[in-house]
């Protein structure tokens, strides 16, 4: 992974707290706080404002979106580098935000990005409060019952531990240990329970102790302070945390690598337009540049296939 950008605004403050806490916990010299960019620099984060409409993709846009005059995209803005706040405390930036805006421009409509807790995203889509979600969502069987899911990337879950791995943890040796996960995430709902069932329940050892927290940033903060033994989270987020403090955290394994997908209400009339827009961005190379910008060139996918 190439060197990722540092967060700003709310993201910067949370990471600054994390860095300070890690430094204290390790009784070592603290790393410098993430550099801050002024609010005038917010525009610099959007390197893809020159994207122009693709007539073929735009022709698939439902009339209701054209009449509304905007595309409402939801995500949970708490996890650098995929989605977090710039230093104006209102502009959501990151891989998912760049992709959302680029899709809107390809379709010829402005994009409105809303920040929603992860466990409120699917109900909001089903209730048609949002048009779509770009929130690093895995295409699980349960989600596919409620959603159309269009693949836009590929990554998995990573296990992070303290640098040097003093507890010698691996995905096979988590029984009885405290492992932090984000509330409402696939790690909480499936991945950690699967590990516990396979490695602990089946052998009579104590189950993995899930510590459920509001965000993956909070989970890493808990690891830095020594209150948990490890963190299981999305690979880009965990990799970003390790890159910011390479002498404090390390990633020991990536698991369950697979599709991450845009979510839309099942049977949505917007789905064909979103597929066409992502394909257009792939063809022009903008898609690849968005991923490279955030240090995630290895997470691209070949085609925006409809999952399920």
Protein backbone atom coordinates (compact mmCIF):
# COMPACT_ATOMS: atom_id res chain seq x y z
CA UNK A 1 0.00 0.00 0.00
CA UNK A 2 1.36 3.41 -0.92
CA UNK A 3 1.59 6.16 1.65
CA UNK A 4 -1.97 7.30 2.46
CA UNK A 5 -3.10 10.84 3.21
CA UNK A 6 -3.54 11.97 6.76
CA UNK A 7 -7.04 12.85 7.96
CA UNK A 8 -8.14 16.39 8.72
CA UNK A 9 -10.98 18.03 10.68
CA UNK A 10 -12.89 15.63 12.92
CA UNK A 11 -10.83 12.82 11.47
CA UNK A 12 -7.60 14.65 12.33
CA UNK A 13 -8.68 15.38 15.88
CA UNK A 14 -9.67 11.77 16.50
CA UNK A 15 -6.42 10.53 15.03
CA UNK A 16 -4.44 13.09 17.02
CA UNK A 17 -6.08 11.74 20.18
CA UNK A 18 -5.27 8.21 19.05
CA UNK A 19 -1.64 9.04 18.40
CA UNK A 20 -1.26 10.75 21.76
CA UNK A 21 -2.91 7.87 23.59
CA UNK A 22 -0.73 5.34 21.85
CA UNK A 23 2.39 7.30 22.75
CA UNK A 24 1.41 7.41 26.41
CA UNK A 25 0.44 3.74 26.45
CA UNK A 26 3.77 2.75 24.96
CA UNK A 27 5.75 5.14 27.23
CA UNK A 28 7.70 6.17 24.17
CA UNK A 29 8.26 9.40 22.30
CA UNK A 30 4.98 10.47 20.72
CA UNK A 31 4.57 10.72 16.97
CA UNK A 32 3.74 14.11 15.53
CA UNK A 33 0.03 14.82 15.24
CA UNK A 34 -1.43 14.59 11.73
CA UNK A 35 -0.76 17.71 9.73
CA UNK A 36 -3.75 20.02 9.36
CA UNK A 37 -4.92 21.64 6.17
CA UNK A 38 -6.87 24.89 6.20
CA UNK A 39 -10.51 24.92 5.18
CA UNK A 40 -9.52 26.70 1.96
CA UNK A 41 -7.76 23.50 0.96
CA UNK A 42 -10.88 21.31 1.05
CA UNK A 43 -11.20 21.66 -2.71
CA UNK A 44 -7.78 20.12 -3.15
CA UNK A 45 -9.12 16.83 -1.87
CA UNK A 46 -11.57 16.65 -4.77
CA UNK A 47 -9.17 15.95 -7.60
CA UNK A 48 -11.91 14.70 -9.90
CA UNK A 49 -14.09 17.78 -10.36
CA UNK A 50 -13.30 17.72 -14.09
CA UNK A 51 -15.30 14.53 -14.63
CA UNK A 52 -17.92 15.22 -17.30
CA UNK A 53 -21.26 13.49 -17.93
CA UNK A 54 -21.26 10.31 -19.96
CA UNK A 55 -24.38 10.53 -22.19
CA UNK A 56 -24.79 6.75 -22.37
CA UNK A 57 -24.68 6.35 -18.59
CA UNK A 58 -26.78 9.47 -17.97
CA UNK A 59 -29.50 8.14 -20.27
CA UNK A 60 -30.12 5.36 -17.76
CA UNK A 61 -30.80 7.81 -14.91
CA UNK A 62 -34.37 7.54 -13.57
CA UNK A 63 -36.55 10.60 -14.08
CA UNK A 64 -37.11 10.83 -10.33
CA UNK A 65 -33.42 11.57 -9.76
CA UNK A 66 -33.34 14.16 -12.53
CA UNK A 67 -36.44 15.82 -11.07
CA UNK A 68 -34.98 15.79 -7.57
CA UNK A 69 -31.88 17.50 -8.94
CA UNK A 70 -29.44 15.49 -6.85
CA UNK A 71 -28.16 12.04 -6.00
CA UNK A 72 -28.33 11.33 -2.25
CA UNK A 73 -25.50 9.02 -1.19
CA UNK A 74 -25.06 7.76 2.36
CA UNK A 75 -21.97 6.55 4.20
CA UNK A 76 -20.64 6.40 7.77
CA UNK A 77 -17.95 9.10 7.83
CA UNK A 78 -15.77 7.73 10.63
CA UNK A 79 -13.01 5.75 8.94
CA UNK A 80 -9.99 7.13 7.11
CA UNK A 81 -9.05 6.68 4.33
CA UNK A 82 -12.42 5.60 2.92
CA UNK A 83 -14.75 8.21 4.48
CA UNK A 84 -14.02 10.95 7.03
CA UNK A 85 -14.36 14.70 7.57
CA UNK A 86 -12.15 17.42 6.15
CA UNK A 87 -11.02 20.26 8.39
CA UNK A 88 -14.13 22.36 7.68
CA UNK A 89 -16.04 19.80 9.81
CA UNK A 90 -18.69 19.38 7.14
CA UNK A 91 -17.06 18.10 3.94
CA UNK A 92 -16.85 14.32 3.78
CA UNK A 93 -13.74 13.13 1.97
CA UNK A 94 -12.03 9.83 1.25
CA UNK A 95 -12.22 7.07 -1.34
CA UNK A 96 -15.97 6.52 -1.01
CA UNK A 97 -16.73 10.24 -1.12
CA UNK A 98 -14.59 10.77 -4.23
CA UNK A 99 -16.29 7.85 -5.94
CA UNK A 100 -19.77 9.12 -4.97
CA UNK A 101 -19.11 12.56 -6.43
CA UNK A 102 -17.53 11.12 -9.57
CA UNK A 103 -20.58 8.88 -10.13
CA UNK A 104 -22.88 11.89 -9.80
CA UNK A 105 -20.84 13.90 -12.29
CA UNK A 106 -20.82 11.00 -14.75
CA UNK A 107 -24.61 10.89 -14.50
CA UNK A 108 -24.91 14.68 -14.74
CA UNK A 109 -26.39 15.36 -11.30
CA UNK A 110 -24.92 16.86 -8.10
CA UNK A 111 -24.16 14.45 -5.26
CA UNK A 112 -25.34 15.06 -1.71
CA UNK A 113 -23.44 12.93 0.81
CA UNK A 114 -25.05 12.17 4.16
CA UNK A 115 -23.34 10.73 7.23
CA UNK A 116 -25.33 7.96 8.92
CA UNK A 117 -24.43 5.34 11.52
CA UNK A 118 -23.68 2.07 9.80
CA UNK A 119 -26.65 0.21 11.29
CA UNK A 120 -29.01 2.88 9.91
CA UNK A 121 -27.87 2.61 6.30
CA UNK A 122 -29.86 -0.41 5.11
CA UNK A 123 -33.13 0.66 6.80
CA UNK A 124 -32.70 4.10 5.23
CA UNK A 125 -32.20 2.63 1.78
CA UNK A 126 -35.23 0.39 2.14
CA UNK A 127 -37.31 3.36 3.31
CA UNK A 128 -36.02 5.34 0.28
CA UNK A 129 -34.53 8.10 2.40
CA UNK A 130 -31.30 7.71 0.43
CA UNK A 131 -30.69 6.79 -3.19
CA UNK A 132 -27.65 4.63 -2.57
CA UNK A 133 -24.87 3.82 -0.12
CA UNK A 134 -21.14 3.75 -0.77
CA UNK A 135 -19.99 2.53 2.62
CA UNK A 136 -17.52 -0.33 2.09
CA UNK A 137 -20.35 -2.86 2.43
CA UNK A 138 -19.63 -6.54 1.89
CA UNK A 139 -22.17 -8.33 -0.29
CA UNK A 140 -23.49 -10.81 2.27
CA UNK A 141 -26.42 -13.16 1.76
CA UNK A 142 -28.48 -11.22 4.28
CA UNK A 143 -27.83 -7.87 2.63
CA UNK A 144 -28.59 -9.23 -0.83
CA UNK A 145 -32.10 -10.09 0.36
CA UNK A 146 -32.77 -6.38 0.85
CA UNK A 147 -30.40 -4.67 -1.58
CA UNK A 148 -29.03 -4.49 -5.07
CA UNK A 149 -25.26 -4.48 -4.62
CA UNK A 150 -22.89 -3.27 -7.34
CA UNK A 151 -19.25 -4.26 -6.87
CA UNK A 152 -16.80 -1.35 -6.76
CA UNK A 153 -13.77 -2.77 -4.97
CA UNK A 154 -12.26 -5.79 -3.26
CA UNK A 155 -10.79 -6.05 0.20
CA UNK A 156 -11.21 -8.00 3.40
CA UNK A 157 -10.86 -7.82 7.16
CA UNK A 158 -7.53 -7.38 8.89
CA UNK A 159 -6.44 -8.22 12.39
CA UNK A 160 -4.26 -5.56 14.04
CA UNK A 161 -2.30 -6.01 17.25
CA UNK A 162 0.30 -4.08 19.21
CA UNK A 163 3.67 -3.78 17.46
CA UNK A 164 5.76 -6.87 18.04
CA UNK A 165 2.60 -8.91 18.69
CA UNK A 166 3.49 -9.57 22.35
CA UNK A 167 0.52 -11.93 22.78
CA UNK A 168 1.46 -13.85 19.62
CA UNK A 169 -2.07 -13.50 18.27
CA UNK A 170 -3.25 -14.97 14.98
CA UNK A 171 -6.78 -15.51 13.69
CA UNK A 172 -6.50 -19.02 15.17
CA UNK A 173 -5.46 -17.93 18.69
CA UNK A 174 -8.03 -15.29 19.66
CA UNK A 175 -9.98 -17.45 22.13
CA UNK A 176 -10.48 -15.62 25.43
CA UNK A 177 -8.99 -12.39 24.09
CA UNK A 178 -10.69 -8.99 23.81
CA UNK A 179 -11.04 -8.01 20.15
CA UNK A 180 -12.57 -4.67 19.18
CA UNK A 181 -15.04 -4.37 16.28
CA UNK A 182 -17.29 -1.62 14.94
CA UNK A 183 -20.98 -1.66 15.88
CA UNK A 184 -23.16 -2.82 12.99
CA UNK A 185 -20.18 -3.95 10.92
CA UNK A 186 -19.70 -7.29 9.20
CA UNK A 187 -16.89 -7.93 11.67
CA UNK A 188 -19.36 -7.73 14.56
CA UNK A 189 -22.19 -9.57 12.81
CA UNK A 190 -20.27 -12.38 11.12
CA UNK A 191 -16.50 -12.44 10.96
CA UNK A 192 -15.62 -12.44 14.66
CA UNK A 193 -18.45 -14.86 15.58
CA UNK A 194 -17.27 -17.18 12.78
CA UNK A 195 -13.73 -17.14 14.12
CA UNK A 196 -14.94 -17.78 17.65
CA UNK A 197 -17.17 -20.67 16.60
CA UNK A 198 -14.48 -22.33 14.50
CA UNK A 199 -11.50 -21.83 16.79
CA UNK A 200 -13.02 -21.71 20.28
CA UNK A 201 -16.48 -23.27 20.51
CA UNK A 202 -15.40 -26.30 18.51
CA UNK A 203 -12.44 -26.94 20.82
CA UNK A 204 -14.01 -26.07 24.16
CA UNK A 205 -11.89 -22.96 24.67
CA UNK A 206 -13.29 -19.61 25.92
CA UNK A 207 -15.02 -17.63 23.18
CA UNK A 208 -13.51 -14.50 21.70
CA UNK A 209 -14.62 -11.47 23.74
CA UNK A 210 -16.03 -8.96 21.25
CA UNK A 211 -15.68 -5.33 22.34
CA UNK A 212 -18.22 -3.43 20.23
CA UNK A 213 -17.43 0.25 19.64
CA UNK A 214 -19.01 3.09 17.61
CA UNK A 215 -16.30 3.22 14.91
CA UNK A 216 -13.15 1.51 13.71
CA UNK A 217 -11.18 4.57 14.80
CA UNK A 218 -12.48 4.03 18.35
CA UNK A 219 -11.44 0.39 18.08
CA UNK A 220 -7.87 1.31 17.18
CA UNK A 221 -7.82 3.86 20.01
CA UNK A 222 -8.77 1.10 22.45
CA UNK A 223 -5.92 -1.03 21.14
CA UNK A 224 -3.49 1.85 21.56
CA UNK A 225 -4.51 2.29 25.18
CA UNK A 226 -4.18 -1.42 25.92
CA UNK A 227 -7.86 -1.95 26.70
CA UNK A 228 -8.23 -4.58 23.99
CA UNK A 229 -5.83 -7.17 22.65
CA UNK A 230 -6.57 -6.66 18.97
CA UNK A 231 -8.84 -5.05 16.39
CA UNK A 232 -10.69 -6.71 13.51
CA UNK A 233 -11.75 -4.21 10.86
CA UNK A 234 -11.78 -3.30 7.19
CA UNK A 235 -8.34 -3.75 5.67
CA UNK A 236 -8.03 -0.16 4.32
CA UNK A 237 -8.85 1.35 7.72
CA UNK A 238 -6.64 -1.01 9.70
CA UNK A 239 -3.82 -0.59 7.20
CA UNK A 240 -4.15 3.19 7.43
CA UNK A 241 -3.90 3.10 11.23
CA UNK A 242 -0.80 0.92 11.06
CA UNK A 243 0.77 3.22 8.48
CA UNK A 244 0.23 6.27 10.69
CA UNK A 245 1.92 4.63 13.71
CA UNK A 246 4.16 1.89 12.33
CA UNK A 247 6.03 1.56 15.63
CA UNK A 248 2.82 0.99 17.62
CA UNK A 249 0.55 -1.27 15.55
CA UNK A 250 0.98 -4.09 13.09
CA UNK A 251 -1.35 -6.04 10.83
CA UNK A 252 -0.95 -9.79 11.29
CA UNK A 253 -3.44 -11.17 8.78
CA UNK A 254 -6.08 -10.33 6.18
CA UNK A 255 -9.15 -12.55 6.07
CA UNK A 256 -12.23 -12.98 3.89
CA UNK A 257 -11.08 -10.81 1.00
CA UNK A 258 -14.03 -10.24 -1.29
CA UNK A 259 -16.32 -7.77 -2.97
CA UNK A 260 -17.36 -4.45 -1.47
CA UNK A 261 -20.37 -2.96 -3.13
CA UNK A 262 -22.59 0.06 -3.62
CA UNK A 263 -25.94 -0.61 -1.95
CA UNK A 264 -29.32 0.33 -3.43
CA UNK A 265 -32.84 -0.76 -2.53
CA UNK A 266 -33.53 -4.16 -4.08
CA UNK A 267 -34.82 -3.78 -7.64
CA UNK A 268 -33.92 -0.07 -7.73
CA UNK A 269 -34.42 1.72 -11.03
CA UNK A 270 -31.12 3.49 -10.31
CA UNK A 271 -29.00 0.33 -10.36
CA UNK A 272 -28.33 0.22 -14.15
CA UNK A 273 -27.22 3.87 -14.13
CA UNK A 274 -24.81 3.28 -11.23
CA UNK A 275 -23.29 0.26 -12.97
CA UNK A 276 -22.89 2.26 -16.17
CA UNK A 277 -21.35 5.21 -14.32
CA UNK A 278 -18.75 3.07 -12.56
CA UNK A 279 -17.90 1.32 -15.82
CA UNK A 280 -17.46 4.72 -17.47
CA UNK A 281 -15.11 5.84 -14.68
CA UNK A 282 -13.14 2.62 -15.12
CA UNK A 283 -12.85 3.18 -18.87
CA UNK A 284 -11.57 6.75 -18.49
CA UNK A 285 -9.12 5.78 -15.74
CA UNK A 286 -10.72 8.07 -13.14
CA UNK A 287 -11.77 5.07 -11.07
CA UNK A 288 -8.19 3.81 -10.86
CA UNK A 289 -6.89 7.30 -9.99
CA UNK A 290 -9.37 7.60 -7.12
CA UNK A 291 -8.13 4.37 -5.58
CA UNK A 292 -4.48 5.32 -6.12
CA UNK A 293 -5.06 8.73 -4.50
CA UNK A 294 -6.02 7.06 -1.22
CA UNK A 295 -3.28 4.41 -1.26
CA UNK A 296 -5.66 1.65 -2.32
CA UNK A 297 -4.53 0.76 -5.84
CA UNK A 298 -4.55 -2.92 -4.86
CA UNK A 299 -8.24 -2.82 -3.97
CA UNK A 300 -9.67 -2.16 -7.44
CA UNK A 301 -12.02 -4.58 -9.15
CA UNK A 302 -12.30 -5.55 -12.81
CA UNK A 303 -15.97 -4.85 -13.46
CA UNK A 304 -18.95 -3.32 -11.60
CA UNK A 305 -20.88 -6.56 -11.49
CA UNK A 306 -24.26 -6.93 -9.81
CA UNK A 307 -23.73 -9.25 -6.85
CA UNK A 308 -25.93 -12.19 -5.98
